[in-house]
Amino acid sequence: MSQVFGRAFITVAGKRYNTKEGASLKFGGISREAVIGDSGVAGHQEKIEAPQVDCTIIHTANISLKEIQAIKDATISFDTDNGKSFVITDAFNGPAPELSRDGIKASFYGSQCEEV
């Protein structure tokens, strides 16, 4: 029986972060949205979406919020426990990292995502 994706391992600019369960990847690229008219679906419109990784990084004394916020022009590797890997290039930190008791909420975006 095949293993189903359950855990993600996230490496940003060569540094693997210890993340909590629930990390996600949006592949990016062309996104389509239905255009609705009075008589139903008229067709669709396309727009480009950036690849995105959302995660909660476990906060320890050796994790720097300033370092996370400064990430730009990086490569992100999103590796799953079922053997699939995705690489985002030209990646950067989006909103300022948010620290709470649960950890550091971080979002990263990039120019392209490839399944490797």
PDB file of N, CA and C in Angstrom:
ATOM      1  N   MET A   1       0.844  -1.176   0.000  1.00  0.00           N
ATOM      2  CA  MET A   1       0.000   0.000   0.000  1.00  0.00           C
ATOM      3  C   MET A   1       0.893   1.243   0.000  1.00  0.00           C
ATOM      4  N   SER A   2       0.524   2.239  -0.761  1.00  0.00           N
ATOM      5  CA  SER A   2       1.309   3.467  -0.882  1.00  0.00           C
ATOM      6  C   SER A   2       1.206   4.329   0.359  1.00  0.00           C
ATOM      7  N   GLN A   3       2.316   4.996   0.676  1.00  0.00           N
ATOM      8  CA  GLN A   3       2.306   5.936   1.790  1.00  0.00           C
ATOM      9  C   GLN A   3       1.642   7.232   1.343  1.00  0.00           C
ATOM     10  N   VAL A   4       0.838   7.798   2.214  1.00  0.00           N
ATOM     11  CA  VAL A   4       0.123   9.043   1.961  1.00  0.00           C
ATOM     12  C   VAL A   4       0.861  10.179   2.662  1.00  0.00           C
ATOM     13  N   PHE A   5       0.917  11.332   2.007  1.00  0.00           N
ATOM     14  CA  PHE A   5       1.589  12.499   2.579  1.00  0.00           C
ATOM     15  C   PHE A   5       1.046  12.824   3.964  1.00  0.00           C
ATOM     16  N   GLY A   6       1.951  12.955   4.913  1.00  0.00           N
ATOM     17  CA  GLY A   6       1.562  13.283   6.282  1.00  0.00           C
ATOM     18  C   GLY A   6       2.466  14.320   6.927  1.00  0.00           C
ATOM     19  N   ARG A   7       3.754  14.309   6.551  1.00  0.00           N
ATOM     20  CA  ARG A   7       4.705  15.241   7.159  1.00  0.00           C
ATOM     21  C   ARG A   7       5.475  15.957   6.065  1.00  0.00           C
ATOM     22  N   ALA A   8       5.865  17.210   6.363  1.00  0.00           N
ATOM     23  CA  ALA A   8       6.665  17.998   5.429  1.00  0.00           C
ATOM     24  C   ALA A   8       7.959  18.425   6.104  1.00  0.00           C
ATOM     25  N   PHE A   9       8.994  18.490   5.315  1.00  0.00           N
ATOM     26  CA  PHE A   9      10.302  18.936   5.785  1.00  0.00           C
ATOM     27  C   PHE A   9      10.684  20.145   4.933  1.00  0.00           C
ATOM     28  N   ILE A  10      10.870  21.294   5.589  1.00  0.00           N
ATOM     29  CA  ILE A  10      11.049  22.547   4.868  1.00  0.00           C
ATOM     30  C   ILE A  10      12.464  23.068   5.080  1.00  0.00           C
ATOM     31  N   THR A  11      13.150  23.291   3.963  1.00  0.00           N
ATOM     32  CA  THR A  11      14.499  23.832   3.989  1.00  0.00           C
ATOM     33  C   THR A  11      14.487  25.150   3.235  1.00  0.00           C
ATOM     34  N   VAL A  12      14.961  26.207   3.892  1.00  0.00           N
ATOM     35  CA  VAL A  12      14.982  27.546   3.296  1.00  0.00           C
ATOM     36  C   VAL A  12      16.425  28.034   3.287  1.00  0.00           C
ATOM     37  N   ALA A  13      16.932  28.351   2.091  1.00  0.00           N
ATOM     38  CA  ALA A  13      18.304  28.851   1.938  1.00  0.00           C
ATOM     39  C   ALA A  13      19.308  27.929   2.639  1.00  0.00           C
ATOM     40  N   GLY A  14      19.102  26.623   2.497  1.00  0.00           N
ATOM     41  CA  GLY A  14      20.035  25.654   3.052  1.00  0.00           C
ATOM     42  C   GLY A  14      19.826  25.323   4.519  1.00  0.00           C
ATOM     43  N   LYS A  15      18.861  25.962   5.190  1.00  0.00           N
ATOM     44  CA  LYS A  15      18.618  25.708   6.609  1.00  0.00           C
ATOM     45  C   LYS A  15      17.280  24.986   6.772  1.00  0.00           C
ATOM     46  N   ARG A  16      17.324  23.788   7.350  1.00  0.00           N
ATOM     47  CA  ARG A  16      16.092  23.037   7.590  1.00  0.00           C
ATOM     48  C   ARG A  16      15.459  23.538   8.888  1.00  0.00           C
ATOM     49  N   TYR A  17      14.184  23.910   8.780  1.00  0.00           N
ATOM     50  CA  TYR A  17      13.439  24.387   9.948  1.00  0.00           C
ATOM     51  C   TYR A  17      12.599  23.262  10.521  1.00  0.00           C
ATOM     52  N   ASN A  18      12.527  23.210  11.834  1.00  0.00           N
ATOM     53  CA  ASN A  18      11.684  22.249  12.524  1.00  0.00           C
ATOM     54  C   ASN A  18      10.290  22.860  12.585  1.00  0.00           C
ATOM     55  N   THR A  19       9.369  22.338  11.779  1.00  0.00           N
ATOM     56  CA  THR A  19       8.048  22.929  11.672  1.00  0.00           C
ATOM     57  C   THR A  19       6.992  22.027  12.307  1.00  0.00           C
ATOM     58  N   LYS A  20       5.894  22.668  12.695  1.00  0.00           N
ATOM     59  CA  LYS A  20       4.777  21.923  13.267  1.00  0.00           C
ATOM     60  C   LYS A  20       3.947  21.288  12.161  1.00  0.00           C
ATOM     61  N   GLU A  21       3.121  20.341  12.549  1.00  0.00           N
ATOM     62  CA  GLU A  21       2.196  19.700  11.628  1.00  0.00           C
ATOM     63  C   GLU A  21       1.301  20.763  10.982  1.00  0.00           C
ATOM     64  N   GLY A  22       1.016  20.581   9.705  1.00  0.00           N
ATOM     65  CA  GLY A  22       0.088  21.482   9.026  1.00  0.00           C
ATOM     66  C   GLY A  22       0.728  22.395   7.999  1.00  0.00           C
ATOM     67  N   ALA A  23       2.018  22.233   7.719  1.00  0.00           N
ATOM     68  CA  ALA A  23       2.655  23.050   6.690  1.00  0.00           C
ATOM     69  C   ALA A  23       1.971  22.779   5.349  1.00  0.00           C
ATOM     70  N   SER A  24       1.901  23.822   4.522  1.00  0.00           N
ATOM     71  CA  SER A  24       1.232  23.647   3.233  1.00  0.00           C
ATOM     72  C   SER A  24       2.016  24.302   2.108  1.00  0.00           C
ATOM     73  N   LEU A  25       1.773  23.800   0.906  1.00  0.00           N
ATOM     74  CA  LEU A  25       2.417  24.300  -0.303  1.00  0.00           C
ATOM     75  C   LEU A  25       1.342  24.597  -1.335  1.00  0.00           C
ATOM     76  N   LYS A  26       1.381  25.809  -1.892  1.00  0.00           N
ATOM     77  CA  LYS A  26       0.571  26.137  -3.067  1.00  0.00           C
ATOM     78  C   LYS A  26       1.537  26.142  -4.234  1.00  0.00           C
ATOM     79  N   PHE A  27       1.256  25.342  -5.238  1.00  0.00           N
ATOM     80  CA  PHE A  27       2.169  25.146  -6.359  1.00  0.00           C
ATOM     81  C   PHE A  27       2.355  26.418  -7.185  1.00  0.00           C
ATOM     82  N   GLY A  28       1.335  27.245  -7.264  1.00  0.00           N
ATOM     83  CA  GLY A  28       1.417  28.470  -8.052  1.00  0.00           C
ATOM     84  C   GLY A  28       1.222  28.192  -9.527  1.00  0.00           C
ATOM     85  N   GLY A  29       1.351  29.238 -10.327  1.00  0.00           N
ATOM     86  CA  GLY A  29       1.147  29.120 -11.763  1.00  0.00           C
ATOM     87  C   GLY A  29      -0.197  29.689 -12.148  1.00  0.00           C
ATOM     88  N   ILE A  30      -0.805  29.117 -13.160  1.00  0.00           N
ATOM     89  CA  ILE A  30      -2.076  29.638 -13.660  1.00  0.00           C
ATOM     90  C   ILE A  30      -3.223  29.161 -12.773  1.00  0.00           C
ATOM     91  N   SER A  31      -4.032  30.109 -12.351  1.00  0.00           N
ATOM     92  CA  SER A  31      -5.243  29.837 -11.579  1.00  0.00           C
ATOM     93  C   SER A  31      -6.435  30.269 -12.424  1.00  0.00           C
ATOM     94  N   ARG A  32      -7.449  29.457 -12.452  1.00  0.00           N
ATOM     95  CA  ARG A  32      -8.632  29.775 -13.261  1.00  0.00           C
ATOM     96  C   ARG A  32      -9.842  29.998 -12.363  1.00  0.00           C
ATOM     97  N   GLU A  33     -10.645  30.970 -12.764  1.00  0.00           N
ATOM     98  CA  GLU A  33     -11.849  31.302 -12.024  1.00  0.00           C
ATOM     99  C   GLU A  33     -13.017  31.393 -12.993  1.00  0.00           C
ATOM    100  N   ALA A  34     -14.145  30.821 -12.599  1.00  0.00           N
ATOM    101  CA  ALA A  34     -15.332  30.858 -13.455  1.00  0.00           C
ATOM    102  C   ALA A  34     -15.866  32.283 -13.580  1.00  0.00           C
ATOM    103  N   VAL A  35     -16.328  32.624 -14.783  1.00  0.00           N
ATOM    104  CA  VAL A  35     -17.020  33.889 -15.022  1.00  0.00           C
ATOM    105  C   VAL A  35     -18.490  33.544 -15.200  1.00  0.00           C
ATOM    106  N   ILE A  36     -19.318  34.107 -14.341  1.00  0.00           N
ATOM    107  CA  ILE A  36     -20.731  33.771 -14.316  1.00  0.00           C
ATOM    108  C   ILE A  36     -21.540  34.916 -14.931  1.00  0.00           C
ATOM    109  N   GLY A  37     -22.404  34.574 -15.860  1.00  0.00           N
ATOM    110  CA  GLY A  37     -23.324  35.536 -16.462  1.00  0.00           C
ATOM    111  C   GLY A  37     -24.747  35.205 -16.054  1.00  0.00           C
ATOM    112  N   ASP A  38     -25.703  35.974 -16.584  1.00  0.00           N
ATOM    113  CA  ASP A  38     -27.114  35.755 -16.256  1.00  0.00           C
ATOM    114  C   ASP A  38     -27.606  34.360 -16.647  1.00  0.00           C
ATOM    115  N   SER A  39     -27.007  33.769 -17.670  1.00  0.00           N
ATOM    116  CA  SER A  39     -27.493  32.469 -18.133  1.00  0.00           C
ATOM    117  C   SER A  39     -26.586  31.314 -17.702  1.00  0.00           C
ATOM    118  N   GLY A  40     -25.665  31.581 -16.788  1.00  0.00           N
ATOM    119  CA  GLY A  40     -24.798  30.511 -16.293  1.00  0.00           C
ATOM    120  C   GLY A  40     -23.325  30.825 -16.494  1.00  0.00           C
ATOM    121  N   VAL A  41     -22.532  29.790 -16.563  1.00  0.00           N
ATOM    122  CA  VAL A  41     -21.080  29.948 -16.709  1.00  0.00           C
ATOM    123  C   VAL A  41     -20.767  30.386 -18.135  1.00  0.00           C
ATOM    124  N   ALA A  42     -20.104  31.552 -18.243  1.00  0.00           N
ATOM    125  CA  ALA A  42     -19.751  32.094 -19.553  1.00  0.00           C
ATOM    126  C   ALA A  42     -18.368  31.632 -19.993  1.00  0.00           C
ATOM    127  N   GLY A  43     -17.572  31.193 -19.073  1.00  0.00           N
ATOM    128  CA  GLY A  43     -16.206  30.769 -19.376  1.00  0.00           C
ATOM    129  C   GLY A  43     -15.349  30.918 -18.134  1.00  0.00           C
ATOM    130  N   HIS A  44     -14.068  31.174 -18.356  1.00  0.00           N
ATOM    131  CA  HIS A  44     -13.168  31.363 -17.213  1.00  0.00           C
ATOM    132  C   HIS A  44     -12.148  32.452 -17.513  1.00  0.00           C
ATOM    133  N   GLN A  45     -11.583  32.985 -16.434  1.00  0.00           N
ATOM    134  CA  GLN A  45     -10.491  33.950 -16.526  1.00  0.00           C
ATOM    135  C   GLN A  45      -9.279  33.331 -15.849  1.00  0.00           C
ATOM    136  N   GLU A  46      -8.105  33.685 -16.363  1.00  0.00           N
ATOM    137  CA  GLU A  46      -6.870  33.173 -15.787  1.00  0.00           C
ATOM    138  C   GLU A  46      -6.086  34.293 -15.124  1.00  0.00           C
ATOM    139  N   LYS A  47      -5.377  33.919 -14.063  1.00  0.00           N
ATOM    140  CA  LYS A  47      -4.431  34.832 -13.438  1.00  0.00           C
ATOM    141  C   LYS A  47      -3.255  33.997 -12.941  1.00  0.00           C
ATOM    142  N   ILE A  48      -2.146  34.656 -12.747  1.00  0.00           N
ATOM    143  CA  ILE A  48      -0.942  33.981 -12.256  1.00  0.00           C
ATOM    144  C   ILE A  48      -0.884  34.118 -10.737  1.00  0.00           C
ATOM    145  N   GLU A  49      -0.608  33.013 -10.056  1.00  0.00           N
ATOM    146  CA  GLU A  49      -0.416  33.022  -8.613  1.00  0.00           C
ATOM    147  C   GLU A  49       0.993  32.574  -8.287  1.00  0.00           C
ATOM    148  N   ALA A  50       1.566  33.192  -7.284  1.00  0.00           N
ATOM    149  CA  ALA A  50       2.915  32.842  -6.844  1.00  0.00           C
ATOM    150  C   ALA A  50       2.885  31.540  -6.050  1.00  0.00           C
ATOM    151  N   PRO A  51       3.913  30.716  -6.185  1.00  0.00           N
ATOM    152  CA  PRO A  51       4.039  29.560  -5.294  1.00  0.00           C
ATOM    153  C   PRO A  51       4.141  30.062  -3.850  1.00  0.00           C
ATOM    154  N   GLN A  52       3.626  29.276  -2.912  1.00  0.00           N
ATOM    155  CA  GLN A  52       3.590  29.726  -1.517  1.00  0.00           C
ATOM    156  C   GLN A  52       3.769  28.558  -0.570  1.00  0.00           C
ATOM    157  N   VAL A  53       4.545  28.780   0.487  1.00  0.00           N
ATOM    158  CA  VAL A  53       4.681  27.827   1.583  1.00  0.00           C
ATOM    159  C   VAL A  53       4.251  28.538   2.859  1.00  0.00           C
ATOM    160  N   ASP A  54       3.333  27.925   3.589  1.00  0.00           N
ATOM    161  CA  ASP A  54       2.902  28.417   4.892  1.00  0.00           C
ATOM    162  C   ASP A  54       3.283  27.374   5.929  1.00  0.00           C
ATOM    163  N   CYS A  55       3.877  27.836   7.029  1.00  0.00           N
ATOM    164  CA  CYS A  55       4.281  26.889   8.061  1.00  0.00           C
ATOM    165  C   CYS A  55       4.374  27.588   9.411  1.00  0.00           C
ATOM    166  N   THR A  56       4.433  26.773  10.449  1.00  0.00           N
ATOM    167  CA  THR A  56       4.701  27.264  11.796  1.00  0.00           C
ATOM    168  C   THR A  56       6.016  26.645  12.241  1.00  0.00           C
ATOM    169  N   ILE A  57       7.002  27.502  12.438  1.00  0.00           N
ATOM    170  CA  ILE A  57       8.339  27.067  12.842  1.00  0.00           C
ATOM    171  C   ILE A  57       8.393  26.998  14.365  1.00  0.00           C
ATOM    172  N   ILE A  58       8.884  25.890  14.890  1.00  0.00           N
ATOM    173  CA  ILE A  58       9.011  25.754  16.339  1.00  0.00           C
ATOM    174  C   ILE A  58      10.099  26.728  16.807  1.00  0.00           C
ATOM    175  N   HIS A  59       9.731  27.571  17.784  1.00  0.00           N
ATOM    176  CA  HIS A  59      10.661  28.617  18.236  1.00  0.00           C
ATOM    177  C   HIS A  59      11.544  28.111  19.366  1.00  0.00           C
ATOM    178  N   THR A  60      12.845  28.154  19.105  1.00  0.00           N
ATOM    179  CA  THR A  60      13.838  27.838  20.130  1.00  0.00           C
ATOM    180  C   THR A  60      14.812  29.013  20.193  1.00  0.00           C
ATOM    181  N   ALA A  61      15.736  28.969  21.122  1.00  0.00           N
ATOM    182  CA  ALA A  61      16.663  30.077  21.328  1.00  0.00           C
ATOM    183  C   ALA A  61      17.557  30.345  20.119  1.00  0.00           C
ATOM    184  N   ASN A  62      17.742  29.364  19.237  1.00  0.00           N
ATOM    185  CA  ASN A  62      18.642  29.564  18.096  1.00  0.00           C
ATOM    186  C   ASN A  62      17.904  29.967  16.812  1.00  0.00           C
ATOM    187  N   ILE A  63      16.627  30.311  16.915  1.00  0.00           N
ATOM    188  CA  ILE A  63      15.847  30.752  15.752  1.00  0.00           C
ATOM    189  C   ILE A  63      15.688  32.264  15.832  1.00  0.00           C
ATOM    190  N   SER A  64      16.049  32.952  14.758  1.00  0.00           N
ATOM    191  CA  SER A  64      15.995  34.408  14.720  1.00  0.00           C
ATOM    192  C   SER A  64      14.848  34.893  13.835  1.00  0.00           C
ATOM    193  N   LEU A  65      13.939  35.671  14.420  1.00  0.00           N
ATOM    194  CA  LEU A  65      12.856  36.274  13.641  1.00  0.00           C
ATOM    195  C   LEU A  65      13.420  37.213  12.580  1.00  0.00           C
ATOM    196  N   LYS A  66      14.437  37.954  12.953  1.00  0.00           N
ATOM    197  CA  LYS A  66      15.060  38.902  12.015  1.00  0.00           C
ATOM    198  C   LYS A  66      15.636  38.157  10.811  1.00  0.00           C
ATOM    199  N   GLU A  67      16.242  36.996  11.057  1.00  0.00           N
ATOM    200  CA  GLU A  67      16.809  36.182   9.976  1.00  0.00           C
ATOM    201  C   GLU A  67      15.722  35.670   9.034  1.00  0.00           C
ATOM    202  N   ILE A  68      14.606  35.236   9.602  1.00  0.00           N
ATOM    203  CA  ILE A  68      13.491  34.755   8.778  1.00  0.00           C
ATOM    204  C   ILE A  68      12.924  35.896   7.948  1.00  0.00           C
ATOM    205  N   GLN A  69      12.739  37.055   8.579  1.00  0.00           N
ATOM    206  CA  GLN A  69      12.176  38.207   7.873  1.00  0.00           C
ATOM    207  C   GLN A  69      13.084  38.678   6.733  1.00  0.00           C
ATOM    208  N   ALA A  70      14.375  38.492   6.853  1.00  0.00           N
ATOM    209  CA  ALA A  70      15.341  38.965   5.853  1.00  0.00           C
ATOM    210  C   ALA A  70      15.490  38.028   4.655  1.00  0.00           C
ATOM    211  N   ILE A  71      14.830  36.883   4.661  1.00  0.00           N
ATOM    212  CA  ILE A  71      15.013  35.913   3.574  1.00  0.00           C
ATOM    213  C   ILE A  71      14.489  36.478   2.257  1.00  0.00           C
ATOM    214  N   LYS A  72      15.361  36.463   1.252  1.00  0.00           N
ATOM    215  CA  LYS A  72      14.979  36.837  -0.117  1.00  0.00           C
ATOM    216  C   LYS A  72      15.970  36.195  -1.068  1.00  0.00           C
ATOM    217  N   ASP A  73      15.565  36.033  -2.322  1.00  0.00           N
ATOM    218  CA  ASP A  73      16.401  35.397  -3.339  1.00  0.00           C
ATOM    219  C   ASP A  73      16.907  34.024  -2.883  1.00  0.00           C
ATOM    220  N   ALA A  74      16.049  33.275  -2.213  1.00  0.00           N
ATOM    221  CA  ALA A  74      16.426  31.973  -1.648  1.00  0.00           C
ATOM    222  C   ALA A  74      15.773  30.836  -2.430  1.00  0.00           C
ATOM    223  N   THR A  75      16.219  29.633  -2.139  1.00  0.00           N
ATOM    224  CA  THR A  75      15.600  28.425  -2.662  1.00  0.00           C
ATOM    225  C   THR A  75      14.939  27.706  -1.493  1.00  0.00           C
ATOM    226  N   ILE A  76      13.692  27.275  -1.702  1.00  0.00           N
ATOM    227  CA  ILE A  76      12.964  26.535  -0.676  1.00  0.00           C
ATOM    228  C   ILE A  76      12.719  25.127  -1.190  1.00  0.00           C
ATOM    229  N   SER A  77      12.997  24.158  -0.336  1.00  0.00           N
ATOM    230  CA  SER A  77      12.697  22.766  -0.639  1.00  0.00           C
ATOM    231  C   SER A  77      11.593  22.315   0.307  1.00  0.00           C
ATOM    232  N   PHE A  78      10.521  21.790  -0.265  1.00  0.00           N
ATOM    233  CA  PHE A  78       9.385  21.266   0.492  1.00  0.00           C
ATOM    234  C   PHE A  78       9.348  19.773   0.199  1.00  0.00           C
ATOM    235  N   ASP A  79       9.850  18.983   1.134  1.00  0.00           N
ATOM    236  CA  ASP A  79       9.973  17.538   0.949  1.00  0.00           C
ATOM    237  C   ASP A  79       8.922  16.830   1.794  1.00  0.00           C
ATOM    238  N   THR A  80       8.247  15.868   1.193  1.00  0.00           N
ATOM    239  CA  THR A  80       7.209  15.145   1.911  1.00  0.00           C
ATOM    240  C   THR A  80       7.707  13.765   2.317  1.00  0.00           C
ATOM    241  N   ASP A  81       7.027  13.198   3.303  1.00  0.00           N
ATOM    242  CA  ASP A  81       7.436  11.888   3.802  1.00  0.00           C
ATOM    243  C   ASP A  81       7.054  10.743   2.874  1.00  0.00           C
ATOM    244  N   ASN A  82       6.369  11.036   1.775  1.00  0.00           N
ATOM    245  CA  ASN A  82       6.069   9.979   0.803  1.00  0.00           C
ATOM    246  C   ASN A  82       6.984  10.059  -0.413  1.00  0.00           C
ATOM    247  N   GLY A  83       8.065  10.847  -0.289  1.00  0.00           N
ATOM    248  CA  GLY A  83       9.086  10.867  -1.324  1.00  0.00           C
ATOM    249  C   GLY A  83       8.965  11.959  -2.368  1.00  0.00           C
ATOM    250  N   LYS A  84       7.950  12.794  -2.305  1.00  0.00           N
ATOM    251  CA  LYS A  84       7.797  13.885  -3.268  1.00  0.00           C
ATOM    252  C   LYS A  84       8.542  15.113  -2.760  1.00  0.00           C
ATOM    253  N   SER A  85       9.166  15.840  -3.694  1.00  0.00           N
ATOM    254  CA  SER A  85       9.880  17.057  -3.358  1.00  0.00           C
ATOM    255  C   SER A  85       9.492  18.164  -4.320  1.00  0.00           C
ATOM    256  N   PHE A  86       9.413  19.373  -3.789  1.00  0.00           N
ATOM    257  CA  PHE A  86       9.079  20.558  -4.562  1.00  0.00           C
ATOM    258  C   PHE A  86      10.111  21.627  -4.248  1.00  0.00           C
ATOM    259  N   VAL A  87      10.554  22.346  -5.281  1.00  0.00           N
ATOM    260  CA  VAL A  87      11.566  23.384  -5.101  1.00  0.00           C
ATOM    261  C   VAL A  87      11.007  24.703  -5.616  1.00  0.00           C
ATOM    262  N   ILE A  88      11.039  25.713  -4.754  1.00  0.00           N
ATOM    263  CA  ILE A  88      10.615  27.065  -5.117  1.00  0.00           C
ATOM    264  C   ILE A  88      11.862  27.918  -5.256  1.00  0.00           C
ATOM    265  N   THR A  89      11.975  28.612  -6.394  1.00  0.00           N
ATOM    266  CA  THR A  89      13.138  29.464  -6.642  1.00  0.00           C
ATOM    267  C   THR A  89      12.786  30.932  -6.450  1.00  0.00           C
ATOM    268  N   ASP A  90      13.832  31.748  -6.259  1.00  0.00           N
ATOM    269  CA  ASP A  90      13.692  33.192  -6.035  1.00  0.00           C
ATOM    270  C   ASP A  90      12.719  33.474  -4.890  1.00  0.00           C
ATOM    271  N   ALA A  91      12.804  32.689  -3.834  1.00  0.00           N
ATOM    272  CA  ALA A  91      11.849  32.762  -2.732  1.00  0.00           C
ATOM    273  C   ALA A  91      12.183  33.896  -1.768  1.00  0.00           C
ATOM    274  N   PHE A  92      11.131  34.380  -1.130  1.00  0.00           N
ATOM    275  CA  PHE A  92      11.283  35.457  -0.153  1.00  0.00           C
ATOM    276  C   PHE A  92      10.223  35.306   0.929  1.00  0.00           C
ATOM    277  N   ASN A  93      10.523  35.878   2.103  1.00  0.00           N
ATOM    278  CA  ASN A  93       9.560  35.910   3.195  1.00  0.00           C
ATOM    279  C   ASN A  93       8.492  36.922   2.851  1.00  0.00           C
ATOM    280  N   GLY A  94       7.222  36.578   3.091  1.00  0.00           N
ATOM    281  CA  GLY A  94       6.107  37.480   2.818  1.00  0.00           C
ATOM    282  C   GLY A  94       5.851  38.384   4.009  1.00  0.00           C
ATOM    283  N   PRO A  95       4.697  38.216   4.665  1.00  0.00           N
ATOM    284  CA  PRO A  95       4.400  39.051   5.832  1.00  0.00           C
ATOM    285  C   PRO A  95       5.440  38.834   6.928  1.00  0.00           C
ATOM    286  N   ALA A  96       5.584  39.830   7.784  1.00  0.00           N
ATOM    287  CA  ALA A  96       6.522  39.692   8.905  1.00  0.00           C
ATOM    288  C   ALA A  96       6.178  38.449   9.701  1.00  0.00           C
ATOM    289  N   PRO A  97       7.187  37.664  10.094  1.00  0.00           N
ATOM    290  CA  PRO A  97       6.925  36.461  10.880  1.00  0.00           C
ATOM    291  C   PRO A  97       6.204  36.832  12.178  1.00  0.00           C
ATOM    292  N   GLU A  98       5.279  35.979  12.590  1.00  0.00           N
ATOM    293  CA  GLU A  98       4.471  36.239  13.787  1.00  0.00           C
ATOM    294  C   GLU A  98       4.789  35.194  14.848  1.00  0.00           C
ATOM    295  N   LEU A  99       5.265  35.656  15.996  1.00  0.00           N
ATOM    296  CA  LEU A  99       5.643  34.766  17.089  1.00  0.00           C
ATOM    297  C   LEU A  99       4.524  34.694  18.123  1.00  0.00           C
ATOM    298  N   SER A 100       4.166  33.470  18.476  1.00  0.00           N
ATOM    299  CA  SER A 100       3.209  33.239  19.555  1.00  0.00           C
ATOM    300  C   SER A 100       3.652  31.985  20.296  1.00  0.00           C
ATOM    301  N   ARG A 101       2.900  31.606  21.271  1.00  0.00           N
ATOM    302  CA  ARG A 101       3.211  30.398  22.035  1.00  0.00           C
ATOM    303  C   ARG A 101       3.265  29.169  21.139  1.00  0.00           C
ATOM    304  N   ASP A 102       2.500  29.194  20.046  1.00  0.00           N
ATOM    305  CA  ASP A 102       2.463  28.064  19.118  1.00  0.00           C
ATOM    306  C   ASP A 102       3.697  27.971  18.233  1.00  0.00           C
ATOM    307  N   GLY A 103       4.462  29.061  18.122  1.00  0.00           N
ATOM    308  CA  GLY A 103       5.646  29.079  17.273  1.00  0.00           C
ATOM    309  C   GLY A 103       5.652  30.319  16.391  1.00  0.00           C
ATOM    310  N   ILE A 104       6.400  30.252  15.303  1.00  0.00           N
ATOM    311  CA  ILE A 104       6.531  31.377  14.380  1.00  0.00           C
ATOM    312  C   ILE A 104       5.744  31.056  13.121  1.00  0.00           C
ATOM    313  N   LYS A 105       4.702  31.824  12.866  1.00  0.00           N
ATOM    314  CA  LYS A 105       3.953  31.663  11.624  1.00  0.00           C
ATOM    315  C   LYS A 105       4.727  32.386  10.533  1.00  0.00           C
ATOM    316  N   ALA A 106       5.050  31.659   9.469  1.00  0.00           N
ATOM    317  CA  ALA A 106       5.823  32.234   8.374  1.00  0.00           C
ATOM    318  C   ALA A 106       5.205  31.844   7.044  1.00  0.00           C
ATOM    319  N   SER A 107       5.277  32.774   6.101  1.00  0.00           N
ATOM    320  CA  SER A 107       4.826  32.530   4.729  1.00  0.00           C
ATOM    321  C   SER A 107       5.944  32.930   3.786  1.00  0.00           C
ATOM    322  N   PHE A 108       6.196  32.065   2.819  1.00  0.00           N
ATOM    323  CA  PHE A 108       7.232  32.323   1.824  1.00  0.00           C
ATOM    324  C   PHE A 108       6.608  32.237   0.438  1.00  0.00           C
ATOM    325  N   TYR A 109       7.072  33.071  -0.458  1.00  0.00           N
ATOM    326  CA  TYR A 109       6.600  33.098  -1.844  1.00  0.00           C
ATOM    327  C   TYR A 109       7.813  32.992  -2.759  1.00  0.00           C
ATOM    328  N   GLY A 110       7.593  32.661  -4.019  1.00  0.00           N
ATOM    329  CA  GLY A 110       8.685  32.581  -4.970  1.00  0.00           C
ATOM    330  C   GLY A 110       8.189  32.801  -6.379  1.00  0.00           C
ATOM    331  N   SER A 111       9.088  32.661  -7.341  1.00  0.00           N
ATOM    332  CA  SER A 111       8.714  32.924  -8.717  1.00  0.00           C
ATOM    333  C   SER A 111       8.261  31.660  -9.447  1.00  0.00           C
ATOM    334  N   GLN A 112       8.748  30.493  -9.017  1.00  0.00           N
ATOM    335  CA  GLN A 112       8.417  29.262  -9.713  1.00  0.00           C
ATOM    336  C   GLN A 112       8.546  28.078  -8.760  1.00  0.00           C
ATOM    337  N   CYS A 113       7.667  27.082  -8.955  1.00  0.00           N
ATOM    338  CA  CYS A 113       7.743  25.853  -8.173  1.00  0.00           C
ATOM    339  C   CYS A 113       7.857  24.686  -9.132  1.00  0.00           C
ATOM    340  N   GLU A 114       8.790  23.805  -8.855  1.00  0.00           N
ATOM    341  CA  GLU A 114       8.968  22.612  -9.684  1.00  0.00           C
ATOM    342  C   GLU A 114       8.874  21.369  -8.814  1.00  0.00           C
ATOM    343  N   GLU A 115       8.214  20.357  -9.352  1.00  0.00           N
ATOM    344  CA  GLU A 115       8.169  19.053  -8.694  1.00  0.00           C
ATOM    345  C   GLU A 115       9.384  18.284  -9.163  1.00  0.00           C
ATOM    346  N   VAL A 116      10.207  17.854  -8.218  1.00  0.00           N
ATOM    347  CA  VAL A 116      11.451  17.162  -8.586  1.00  0.00           C
ATOM    348  C   VAL A 116      11.441  15.733  -8.075  1.00  0.00           C
TER     349      VAL A 116
END
